[in-house]
All heavy atoms as atom14 arrays in JSON, in Angstrom:
{
  "sequence": "ELGAPYAQLGLPDPLGEVLTVMSGWQPSIGVYPRPYVHQADALES",
  "atom14_mask": [
    [1, 1, 1, 1, 1, 1, 1, 1, 1, 0, 0, 0, 0, 0],
    [1, 1, 1, 1, 1, 1, 1, 1, 0, 0, 0, 0, 0, 0],
    [1, 1, 1, 1, 0, 0, 0, 0, 0, 0, 0, 0, 0, 0],
    [1, 1, 1, 1, 1, 0, 0, 0, 0, 0, 0, 0, 0, 0],
    [1, 1, 1, 1, 1, 1, 1, 0, 0, 0, 0, 0, 0, 0],
    [1, 1, 1, 1, 1, 1, 1, 1, 1, 1, 1, 1, 0, 0],
    [1, 1, 1, 1, 1, 0, 0, 0, 0, 0, 0, 0, 0, 0],
    [1, 1, 1, 1, 1, 1, 1, 1, 1, 0, 0, 0, 0, 0],
    [1, 1, 1, 1, 1, 1, 1, 1, 0, 0, 0, 0, 0, 0],
    [1, 1, 1, 1, 0, 0, 0, 0, 0, 0, 0, 0, 0, 0],
    [1, 1, 1, 1, 1, 1, 1, 1, 0, 0, 0, 0, 0, 0],
    [1, 1, 1, 1, 1, 1, 1, 0, 0, 0, 0, 0, 0, 0],
    [1, 1, 1, 1, 1, 1, 1, 1, 0, 0, 0, 0, 0, 0],
    [1, 1, 1, 1, 1, 1, 1, 0, 0, 0, 0, 0, 0, 0],
    [1, 1, 1, 1, 1, 1, 1, 1, 0, 0, 0, 0, 0, 0],
    [1, 1, 1, 1, 0, 0, 0, 0, 0, 0, 0, 0, 0, 0],
    [1, 1, 1, 1, 1, 1, 1, 1, 1, 0, 0, 0, 0, 0],
    [1, 1, 1, 1, 1, 1, 1, 0, 0, 0, 0, 0, 0, 0],
    [1, 1, 1, 1, 1, 1, 1, 1, 0, 0, 0, 0, 0, 0],
    [1, 1, 1, 1, 1, 1, 1, 0, 0, 0, 0, 0, 0, 0],
    [1, 1, 1, 1, 1, 1, 1, 0, 0, 0, 0, 0, 0, 0],
    [1, 1, 1, 1, 1, 1, 1, 1, 0, 0, 0, 0, 0, 0],
    [1, 1, 1, 1, 1, 1, 0, 0, 0, 0, 0, 0, 0, 0],
    [1, 1, 1, 1, 0, 0, 0, 0, 0, 0, 0, 0, 0, 0],
    [1, 1, 1, 1, 1, 1, 1, 1, 1, 1, 1, 1, 1, 1],
    [1, 1, 1, 1, 1, 1, 1, 1, 1, 0, 0, 0, 0, 0],
    [1, 1, 1, 1, 1, 1, 1, 0, 0, 0, 0, 0, 0, 0],
    [1, 1, 1, 1, 1, 1, 0, 0, 0, 0, 0, 0, 0, 0],
    [1, 1, 1, 1, 1, 1, 1, 1, 0, 0, 0, 0, 0, 0],
    [1, 1, 1, 1, 0, 0, 0, 0, 0, 0, 0, 0, 0, 0],
    [1, 1, 1, 1, 1, 1, 1, 0, 0, 0, 0, 0, 0, 0],
    [1, 1, 1, 1, 1, 1, 1, 1, 1, 1, 1, 1, 0, 0],
    [1, 1, 1, 1, 1, 1, 1, 0, 0, 0, 0, 0, 0, 0],
    [1, 1, 1, 1, 1, 1, 1, 1, 1, 1, 1, 0, 0, 0],
    [1, 1, 1, 1, 1, 1, 1, 0, 0, 0, 0, 0, 0, 0],
    [1, 1, 1, 1, 1, 1, 1, 1, 1, 1, 1, 1, 0, 0],
    [1, 1, 1, 1, 1, 1, 1, 0, 0, 0, 0, 0, 0, 0],
    [1, 1, 1, 1, 1, 1, 1, 1, 1, 1, 0, 0, 0, 0],
    [1, 1, 1, 1, 1, 1, 1, 1, 1, 0, 0, 0, 0, 0],
    [1, 1, 1, 1, 1, 0, 0, 0, 0, 0, 0, 0, 0, 0],
    [1, 1, 1, 1, 1, 1, 1, 1, 0, 0, 0, 0, 0, 0],
    [1, 1, 1, 1, 1, 0, 0, 0, 0, 0, 0, 0, 0, 0],
    [1, 1, 1, 1, 1, 1, 1, 1, 0, 0, 0, 0, 0, 0],
    [1, 1, 1, 1, 1, 1, 1, 1, 1, 0, 0, 0, 0, 0],
    [1, 1, 1, 1, 1, 1, 0, 0, 0, 0, 0, 0, 0, 0]
  ],
  "atom14_positions": [
    [[-2.8, -3.2, -13.83], [-4.0, -2.77, -13.11], [-3.67, -2.42, -11.67], [-2.92, -3.12, -11.0], [-5.04, -3.9, -13.15], [-6.35, -3.54, -12.49], [-7.35, -4.69, -12.51], [-7.01, -5.75, -13.11], [-8.44, -4.54, -11.93], [0.0, 0.0, 0.0], [0.0, 0.0, 0.0], [0.0, 0.0, 0.0], [0.0, 0.0, 0.0], [0.0, 0.0, 0.0]],
    [[-4.23, -1.31, -11.23], [-4.03, -0.88, -9.85], [-4.95, -1.66, -8.92], [-6.11, -1.94, -9.24], [-4.31, 0.62, -9.72], [-3.32, 1.57, -10.41], [-3.79, 3.01, -10.29], [-1.93, 1.42, -9.79], [0.0, 0.0, 0.0], [0.0, 0.0, 0.0], [0.0, 0.0, 0.0], [0.0, 0.0, 0.0], [0.0, 0.0, 0.0], [0.0, 0.0, 0.0]],
    [[-4.42, -1.99, -7.75], [-5.2, -2.69, -6.75], [-5.81, -1.72, -5.75], [-5.79, -0.49, -5.94], [0.0, 0.0, 0.0], [0.0, 0.0, 0.0], [0.0, 0.0, 0.0], [0.0, 0.0, 0.0], [0.0, 0.0, 0.0], [0.0, 0.0, 0.0], [0.0, 0.0, 0.0], [0.0, 0.0, 0.0], [0.0, 0.0, 0.0], [0.0, 0.0, 0.0]],
    [[-6.33, -2.25, -4.67], [-6.95, -1.42, -3.63], [-5.88, -0.69, -2.84], [-4.74, -1.13, -2.75], [-7.78, -2.3, -2.71], [0.0, 0.0, 0.0], [0.0, 0.0, 0.0], [0.0, 0.0, 0.0], [0.0, 0.0, 0.0], [0.0, 0.0, 0.0], [0.0, 0.0, 0.0], [0.0, 0.0, 0.0], [0.0, 0.0, 0.0], [0.0, 0.0, 0.0]],
    [[-6.23, 0.46, -2.26], [-5.29, 1.17, -1.39], [-4.87, 0.29, -0.21], [-5.57, -0.65, 0.17], [-6.09, 2.39, -0.92], [-7.16, 2.57, -1.94], [-7.5, 1.19, -2.42], [0.0, 0.0, 0.0], [0.0, 0.0, 0.0], [0.0, 0.0, 0.0], [0.0, 0.0, 0.0], [0.0, 0.0, 0.0], [0.0, 0.0, 0.0], [0.0, 0.0, 0.0]],
    [[-3.73, 0.62, 0.37], [-3.19, -0.2, 1.46], [-4.17, -0.34, 2.62], [-4.28, -1.41, 3.23], [-1.88, 0.42, 1.97], [-0.81, 0.51, 0.92], [-0.47, 1.74, 0.37], [-0.15, -0.63, 0.47], [0.53, 1.84, -0.61], [0.83, -0.55, -0.51], [1.16, 0.69, -1.04], [2.13, 0.8, -2.01], [0.0, 0.0, 0.0], [0.0, 0.0, 0.0]],
    [[-4.89, 0.74, 2.92], [-5.8, 0.72, 4.07], [-6.96, -0.24, 3.87], [-7.62, -0.62, 4.84], [-6.33, 2.13, 4.33], [0.0, 0.0, 0.0], [0.0, 0.0, 0.0], [0.0, 0.0, 0.0], [0.0, 0.0, 0.0], [0.0, 0.0, 0.0], [0.0, 0.0, 0.0], [0.0, 0.0, 0.0], [0.0, 0.0, 0.0], [0.0, 0.0, 0.0]],
    [[-7.21, -0.66, 2.62], [-8.34, -1.54, 2.34], [-7.92, -3.01, 2.13], [-8.74, -3.83, 1.75], [-9.08, -1.04, 1.09], [-9.68, 0.34, 1.24], [-10.36, 0.82, -0.03], [-10.66, 0.04, -0.92], [-10.63, 2.13, -0.11], [0.0, 0.0, 0.0], [0.0, 0.0, 0.0], [0.0, 0.0, 0.0], [0.0, 0.0, 0.0], [0.0, 0.0, 0.0]],
    [[-6.66, -3.31, 2.38], [-6.16, -4.67, 2.16], [-6.31, -5.57, 3.38], [-6.0, -6.76, 3.31], [-4.69, -4.63, 1.73], [-4.38, -3.91, 0.4], [-2.88, -3.95, 0.11], [-5.16, -4.55, -0.74], [0.0, 0.0, 0.0], [0.0, 0.0, 0.0], [0.0, 0.0, 0.0], [0.0, 0.0, 0.0], [0.0, 0.0, 0.0], [0.0, 0.0, 0.0]],
    [[-6.75, -5.01, 4.48], [-6.93, -5.8, 5.7], [-5.63, -6.26, 6.3], [-5.57, -7.33, 6.93], [0.0, 0.0, 0.0], [0.0, 0.0, 0.0], [0.0, 0.0, 0.0], [0.0, 0.0, 0.0], [0.0, 0.0, 0.0], [0.0, 0.0, 0.0], [0.0, 0.0, 0.0], [0.0, 0.0, 0.0], [0.0, 0.0, 0.0], [0.0, 0.0, 0.0]],
    [[-4.56, -5.48, 6.14], [-3.25, -5.87, 6.66], [-3.21, -5.69, 8.18], [-3.95, -4.88, 8.74], [-2.17, -5.0, 6.01], [-2.08, -5.07, 4.48], [-1.03, -4.08, 3.96], [-1.74, -6.48, 4.03], [0.0, 0.0, 0.0], [0.0, 0.0, 0.0], [0.0, 0.0, 0.0], [0.0, 0.0, 0.0], [0.0, 0.0, 0.0], [0.0, 0.0, 0.0]],
    [[-2.35, -6.42, 8.86], [-2.24, -6.27, 10.32], [-1.85, -4.85, 10.69], [-1.08, -4.19, 9.98], [-1.13, -7.26, 10.71], [-1.04, -8.21, 9.57], [-1.43, -7.46, 8.34], [0.0, 0.0, 0.0], [0.0, 0.0, 0.0], [0.0, 0.0, 0.0], [0.0, 0.0, 0.0], [0.0, 0.0, 0.0], [0.0, 0.0, 0.0], [0.0, 0.0, 0.0]],
    [[-2.37, -4.37, 11.8], [-2.0, -3.04, 12.3], [-0.53, -3.05, 12.7], [-0.04, -4.03, 13.27], [-2.86, -2.67, 13.53], [-4.31, -2.42, 13.15], [-4.56, -2.06, 11.98], [-5.19, -2.62, 14.01], [0.0, 0.0, 0.0], [0.0, 0.0, 0.0], [0.0, 0.0, 0.0], [0.0, 0.0, 0.0], [0.0, 0.0, 0.0], [0.0, 0.0, 0.0]],
    [[0.21, -1.98, 12.4], [-0.23, -0.73, 11.77], [0.16, -0.63, 10.3], [0.36, 0.48, 9.81], [0.54, 0.3, 12.59], [1.88, -0.39, 12.83], [1.57, -1.86, 12.94], [0.0, 0.0, 0.0], [0.0, 0.0, 0.0], [0.0, 0.0, 0.0], [0.0, 0.0, 0.0], [0.0, 0.0, 0.0], [0.0, 0.0, 0.0], [0.0, 0.0, 0.0]],
    [[0.26, -1.75, 9.57], [0.84, -1.72, 8.23], [0.05, -0.85, 7.27], [0.63, -0.03, 6.53], [0.94, -3.14, 7.68], [1.91, -4.09, 8.37], [2.07, -5.36, 7.57], [3.25, -3.41, 8.57], [0.0, 0.0, 0.0], [0.0, 0.0, 0.0], [0.0, 0.0, 0.0], [0.0, 0.0, 0.0], [0.0, 0.0, 0.0], [0.0, 0.0, 0.0]],
    [[-1.27, -1.03, 7.21], [-2.07, -0.26, 6.27], [-1.91, 1.23, 6.49], [-1.72, 2.0, 5.54], [0.0, 0.0, 0.0], [0.0, 0.0, 0.0], [0.0, 0.0, 0.0], [0.0, 0.0, 0.0], [0.0, 0.0, 0.0], [0.0, 0.0, 0.0], [0.0, 0.0, 0.0], [0.0, 0.0, 0.0], [0.0, 0.0, 0.0], [0.0, 0.0, 0.0]],
    [[-1.96, 1.64, 7.75], [-1.84, 3.06, 8.09], [-0.46, 3.6, 7.74], [-0.33, 4.67, 7.12], [-2.11, 3.25, 9.58], [-1.85, 4.67, 10.08], [-1.87, 4.75, 11.59], [-2.25, 3.76, 12.25], [-1.47, 5.81, 12.12], [0.0, 0.0, 0.0], [0.0, 0.0, 0.0], [0.0, 0.0, 0.0], [0.0, 0.0, 0.0], [0.0, 0.0, 0.0]],
    [[0.59, 2.87, 8.11], [1.95, 3.35, 7.89], [2.29, 3.39, 6.4], [2.9, 4.34, 5.9], [2.96, 2.48, 8.65], [4.39, 2.9, 8.31], [2.73, 2.6, 10.15], [0.0, 0.0, 0.0], [0.0, 0.0, 0.0], [0.0, 0.0, 0.0], [0.0, 0.0, 0.0], [0.0, 0.0, 0.0], [0.0, 0.0, 0.0], [0.0, 0.0, 0.0]],
    [[1.91, 2.34, 5.65], [2.17, 2.33, 4.21], [1.43, 3.47, 3.5], [1.95, 4.06, 2.55], [1.77, 0.99, 3.6], [2.67, -0.2, 3.95], [2.08, -1.5, 3.42], [4.08, 0.0, 3.4], [0.0, 0.0, 0.0], [0.0, 0.0, 0.0], [0.0, 0.0, 0.0], [0.0, 0.0, 0.0], [0.0, 0.0, 0.0], [0.0, 0.0, 0.0]],
    [[0.23, 3.79, 3.98], [-0.52, 4.92, 3.42], [0.22, 6.22, 3.67], [0.32, 7.08, 2.77], [-1.92, 4.99, 4.02], [-2.62, 3.77, 3.74], [-2.71, 6.16, 3.45], [0.0, 0.0, 0.0], [0.0, 0.0, 0.0], [0.0, 0.0, 0.0], [0.0, 0.0, 0.0], [0.0, 0.0, 0.0], [0.0, 0.0, 0.0], [0.0, 0.0, 0.0]],
    [[0.77, 6.39, 4.86], [1.54, 7.59, 5.17], [2.77, 7.68, 4.28], [3.08, 8.73, 3.7], [1.95, 7.61, 6.66], [2.94, 8.75, 6.93], [0.72, 7.77, 7.54], [0.0, 0.0, 0.0], [0.0, 0.0, 0.0], [0.0, 0.0, 0.0], [0.0, 0.0, 0.0], [0.0, 0.0, 0.0], [0.0, 0.0, 0.0], [0.0, 0.0, 0.0]],
    [[3.49, 6.56, 4.13], [4.69, 6.55, 3.3], [4.39, 6.89, 1.85], [5.18, 7.53, 1.15], [5.36, 5.17, 3.36], [5.99, 4.83, 4.69], [6.73, 3.18, 4.59], [7.22, 2.95, 6.29], [0.0, 0.0, 0.0], [0.0, 0.0, 0.0], [0.0, 0.0, 0.0], [0.0, 0.0, 0.0], [0.0, 0.0, 0.0], [0.0, 0.0, 0.0]],
    [[3.24, 6.44, 1.37], [2.9, 6.66, -0.04], [2.7, 8.14, -0.36], [2.76, 8.53, -1.52], [1.63, 5.88, -0.39], [0.49, 6.42, 0.26], [0.0, 0.0, 0.0], [0.0, 0.0, 0.0], [0.0, 0.0, 0.0], [0.0, 0.0, 0.0], [0.0, 0.0, 0.0], [0.0, 0.0, 0.0], [0.0, 0.0, 0.0], [0.0, 0.0, 0.0]],
    [[2.48, 8.96, 0.66], [2.29, 10.39, 0.44], [3.56, 11.21, 0.56], [3.53, 12.42, 0.37], [0.0, 0.0, 0.0], [0.0, 0.0, 0.0], [0.0, 0.0, 0.0], [0.0, 0.0, 0.0], [0.0, 0.0, 0.0], [0.0, 0.0, 0.0], [0.0, 0.0, 0.0], [0.0, 0.0, 0.0], [0.0, 0.0, 0.0], [0.0, 0.0, 0.0]],
    [[4.67, 10.57, 0.88], [5.93, 11.3, 1.04], [6.44, 11.82, -0.31], [6.36, 11.13, -1.33], [7.0, 10.4, 1.66], [6.79, 10.14, 3.12], [5.9, 10.75, 3.95], [7.48, 9.17, 3.91], [5.99, 10.23, 5.21], [6.95, 9.26, 5.23], [8.47, 8.24, 3.65], [7.4, 8.46, 6.27], [8.92, 7.44, 4.68], [8.39, 7.55, 5.98]],
    [[6.92, 13.04, -0.28], [7.57, 13.64, -1.46], [8.91, 14.23, -1.05], [8.97, 15.0, -0.1], [6.68, 14.74, -2.07], [5.39, 14.22, -2.67], [5.61, 13.27, -3.83], [6.6, 13.4, -4.56], [4.71, 12.31, -4.0], [0.0, 0.0, 0.0], [0.0, 0.0, 0.0], [0.0, 0.0, 0.0], [0.0, 0.0, 0.0], [0.0, 0.0, 0.0]],
    [[10.01, 13.87, -1.72], [10.07, 12.92, -2.82], [9.76, 11.5, -2.38], [9.97, 11.13, -1.24], [11.5, 13.05, -3.32], [12.27, 13.53, -2.13], [11.34, 14.42, -1.37], [0.0, 0.0, 0.0], [0.0, 0.0, 0.0], [0.0, 0.0, 0.0], [0.0, 0.0, 0.0], [0.0, 0.0, 0.0], [0.0, 0.0, 0.0], [0.0, 0.0, 0.0]],
    [[9.27, 10.71, -3.34], [8.81, 9.36, -3.03], [9.98, 8.42, -2.73], [11.08, 8.6, -3.25], [8.01, 8.81, -4.22], [7.67, 7.45, -4.02], [0.0, 0.0, 0.0], [0.0, 0.0, 0.0], [0.0, 0.0, 0.0], [0.0, 0.0, 0.0], [0.0, 0.0, 0.0], [0.0, 0.0, 0.0], [0.0, 0.0, 0.0], [0.0, 0.0, 0.0]],
    [[9.71, 7.42, -1.89], [10.71, 6.38, -1.63], [10.36, 5.1, -2.37], [10.96, 4.05, -2.15], [10.86, 6.09, -0.12], [9.55, 5.59, 0.47], [11.36, 7.31, 0.61], [9.68, 5.1, 1.9], [0.0, 0.0, 0.0], [0.0, 0.0, 0.0], [0.0, 0.0, 0.0], [0.0, 0.0, 0.0], [0.0, 0.0, 0.0], [0.0, 0.0, 0.0]],
    [[9.36, 5.17, -3.26], [8.97, 4.01, -4.05], [7.76, 3.29, -3.52], [7.38, 2.24, -4.05], [0.0, 0.0, 0.0], [0.0, 0.0, 0.0], [0.0, 0.0, 0.0], [0.0, 0.0, 0.0], [0.0, 0.0, 0.0], [0.0, 0.0, 0.0], [0.0, 0.0, 0.0], [0.0, 0.0, 0.0], [0.0, 0.0, 0.0], [0.0, 0.0, 0.0]],
    [[7.11, 3.84, -2.48], [5.84, 3.31, -1.99], [4.75, 4.22, -2.53], [4.6, 5.36, -2.07], [5.8, 3.25, -0.45], [4.45, 2.71, 0.03], [6.92, 2.37, 0.08], [0.0, 0.0, 0.0], [0.0, 0.0, 0.0], [0.0, 0.0, 0.0], [0.0, 0.0, 0.0], [0.0, 0.0, 0.0], [0.0, 0.0, 0.0], [0.0, 0.0, 0.0]],
    [[3.99, 3.73, -3.51], [3.03, 4.58, -4.22], [1.64, 4.46, -3.6], [1.33, 3.47, -2.91], [3.02, 4.21, -5.7], [4.37, 4.39, -6.35], [5.19, 3.29, -6.64], [4.86, 5.67, -6.6], [6.45, 3.47, -7.2], [6.13, 5.85, -7.16], [6.9, 4.74, -7.46], [8.15, 4.92, -8.0], [0.0, 0.0, 0.0], [0.0, 0.0, 0.0]],
    [[0.77, 5.46, -3.84], [-0.54, 5.48, -3.17], [-1.36, 4.21, -3.33], [-2.03, 3.77, -2.41], [-1.24, 6.69, -3.8], [-0.12, 7.59, -4.22], [1.0, 6.68, -4.63], [0.0, 0.0, 0.0], [0.0, 0.0, 0.0], [0.0, 0.0, 0.0], [0.0, 0.0, 0.0], [0.0, 0.0, 0.0], [0.0, 0.0, 0.0], [0.0, 0.0, 0.0]],
    [[-1.29, 3.61, -4.54], [-2.02, 2.36, -4.75], [-1.09, 1.34, -5.41], [-0.49, 1.63, -6.44], [-3.25, 2.6, -5.64], [-4.36, 3.37, -4.97], [-5.53, 3.57, -5.92], [-6.12, 2.31, -6.36], [-7.09, 2.23, -7.27], [-7.57, 3.34, -7.82], [-7.57, 1.05, -7.62], [0.0, 0.0, 0.0], [0.0, 0.0, 0.0], [0.0, 0.0, 0.0]],
    [[-0.95, 0.18, -4.83], [-0.1, -0.84, -5.45], [-0.79, -1.46, -6.66], [-2.02, -1.38, -6.81], [0.07, -1.86, -4.33], [-1.2, -1.75, -3.54], [-1.59, -0.3, -3.59], [0.0, 0.0, 0.0], [0.0, 0.0, 0.0], [0.0, 0.0, 0.0], [0.0, 0.0, 0.0], [0.0, 0.0, 0.0], [0.0, 0.0, 0.0], [0.0, 0.0, 0.0]],
    [[0.01, -2.09, -7.53], [-0.58, -2.88, -8.59], [-1.29, -4.1, -7.98], [-1.03, -4.47, -6.82], [0.48, -3.36, -9.57], [1.09, -2.26, -10.41], [2.47, -2.15, -10.54], [0.29, -1.35, -11.09], [3.04, -1.15, -11.32], [0.85, -0.34, -11.87], [2.23, -0.24, -11.98], [2.78, 0.73, -12.75], [0.0, 0.0, 0.0], [0.0, 0.0, 0.0]],
    [[-2.16, -4.7, -8.77], [-2.93, -5.84, -8.27], [-2.01, -6.95, -7.76], [-2.24, -7.52, -6.68], [-3.87, -6.39, -9.37], [-4.46, -7.74, -8.96], [-5.01, -5.4, -9.64], [0.0, 0.0, 0.0], [0.0, 0.0, 0.0], [0.0, 0.0, 0.0], [0.0, 0.0, 0.0], [0.0, 0.0, 0.0], [0.0, 0.0, 0.0], [0.0, 0.0, 0.0]],
    [[-0.95, -7.27, -8.52], [-0.07, -8.36, -8.08], [0.71, -7.98, -6.83], [1.04, -8.84, -6.02], [0.87, -8.78, -9.21], [1.73, -7.7, -9.76], [1.3, -6.83, -10.74], [3.0, -7.33, -9.48], [2.26, -5.99, -11.05], [3.3, -6.26, -10.29], [0.0, 0.0, 0.0], [0.0, 0.0, 0.0], [0.0, 0.0, 0.0], [0.0, 0.0, 0.0]],
    [[1.0, -6.67, -6.64], [1.66, -6.24, -5.42], [0.72, -6.33, -4.22], [1.11, -6.76, -3.13], [2.17, -4.81, -5.59], [3.26, -4.66, -6.63], [3.59, -3.22, -6.92], [2.8, -2.31, -6.63], [4.76, -2.97, -7.51], [0.0, 0.0, 0.0], [0.0, 0.0, 0.0], [0.0, 0.0, 0.0], [0.0, 0.0, 0.0], [0.0, 0.0, 0.0]],
    [[-0.54, -5.92, -4.44], [-1.54, -6.03, -3.38], [-1.8, -7.5, -3.02], [-1.91, -7.85, -1.84], [-2.84, -5.35, -3.81], [0.0, 0.0, 0.0], [0.0, 0.0, 0.0], [0.0, 0.0, 0.0], [0.0, 0.0, 0.0], [0.0, 0.0, 0.0], [0.0, 0.0, 0.0], [0.0, 0.0, 0.0], [0.0, 0.0, 0.0], [0.0, 0.0, 0.0]],
    [[-1.86, -8.36, -4.05], [-2.06, -9.79, -3.8], [-0.9, -10.37, -2.98], [-1.11, -11.22, -2.1], [-2.18, -10.55, -5.12], [-3.51, -10.28, -5.83], [-4.42, -9.74, -5.17], [-3.6, -10.59, -7.03], [0.0, 0.0, 0.0], [0.0, 0.0, 0.0], [0.0, 0.0, 0.0], [0.0, 0.0, 0.0], [0.0, 0.0, 0.0], [0.0, 0.0, 0.0]],
    [[0.32, -9.9, -3.29], [1.48, -10.39, -2.55], [1.4, -9.99, -1.08], [1.67, -10.81, -0.18], [2.77, -9.83, -3.18], [0.0, 0.0, 0.0], [0.0, 0.0, 0.0], [0.0, 0.0, 0.0], [0.0, 0.0, 0.0], [0.0, 0.0, 0.0], [0.0, 0.0, 0.0], [0.0, 0.0, 0.0], [0.0, 0.0, 0.0], [0.0, 0.0, 0.0]],
    [[1.01, -8.75, -0.81], [0.89, -8.3, 0.58], [-0.2, -9.09, 1.33], [0.01, -9.52, 2.47], [0.56, -6.81, 0.61], [1.71, -5.85, 0.28], [1.19, -4.44, 0.07], [2.76, -5.87, 1.39], [0.0, 0.0, 0.0], [0.0, 0.0, 0.0], [0.0, 0.0, 0.0], [0.0, 0.0, 0.0], [0.0, 0.0, 0.0], [0.0, 0.0, 0.0]],
    [[-1.34, -9.29, 0.68], [-2.43, -10.02, 1.33], [-2.06, -11.48, 1.55], [-2.33, -12.04, 2.62], [-3.7, -9.93, 0.47], [-4.31, -8.53, 0.44], [-5.54, -8.47, -0.44], [-5.49, -8.96, -1.59], [-6.58, -7.93, 0.03], [0.0, 0.0, 0.0], [0.0, 0.0, 0.0], [0.0, 0.0, 0.0], [0.0, 0.0, 0.0], [0.0, 0.0, 0.0]],
    [[-1.44, -12.1, 0.56], [-1.07, -13.51, 0.7], [-0.02, -13.7, 1.78], [-0.07, -14.67, 2.55], [-0.53, -14.05, -0.64], [-1.53, -14.02, -1.63], [0.0, 0.0, 0.0], [0.0, 0.0, 0.0], [0.0, 0.0, 0.0], [0.0, 0.0, 0.0], [0.0, 0.0, 0.0], [0.0, 0.0, 0.0], [0.0, 0.0, 0.0], [0.0, 0.0, 0.0]]
  ]
}
């Protein structure tokens, strides 16, 4: 299951913004637009 986008995880500035920018890079570096639920939970925790 996909979790919320990085910008909606309430991460400290500027993480949400920067991770969102990275997720749009092509070719990808492995940071995808929306993390899985367990990945989002890990970032929030």
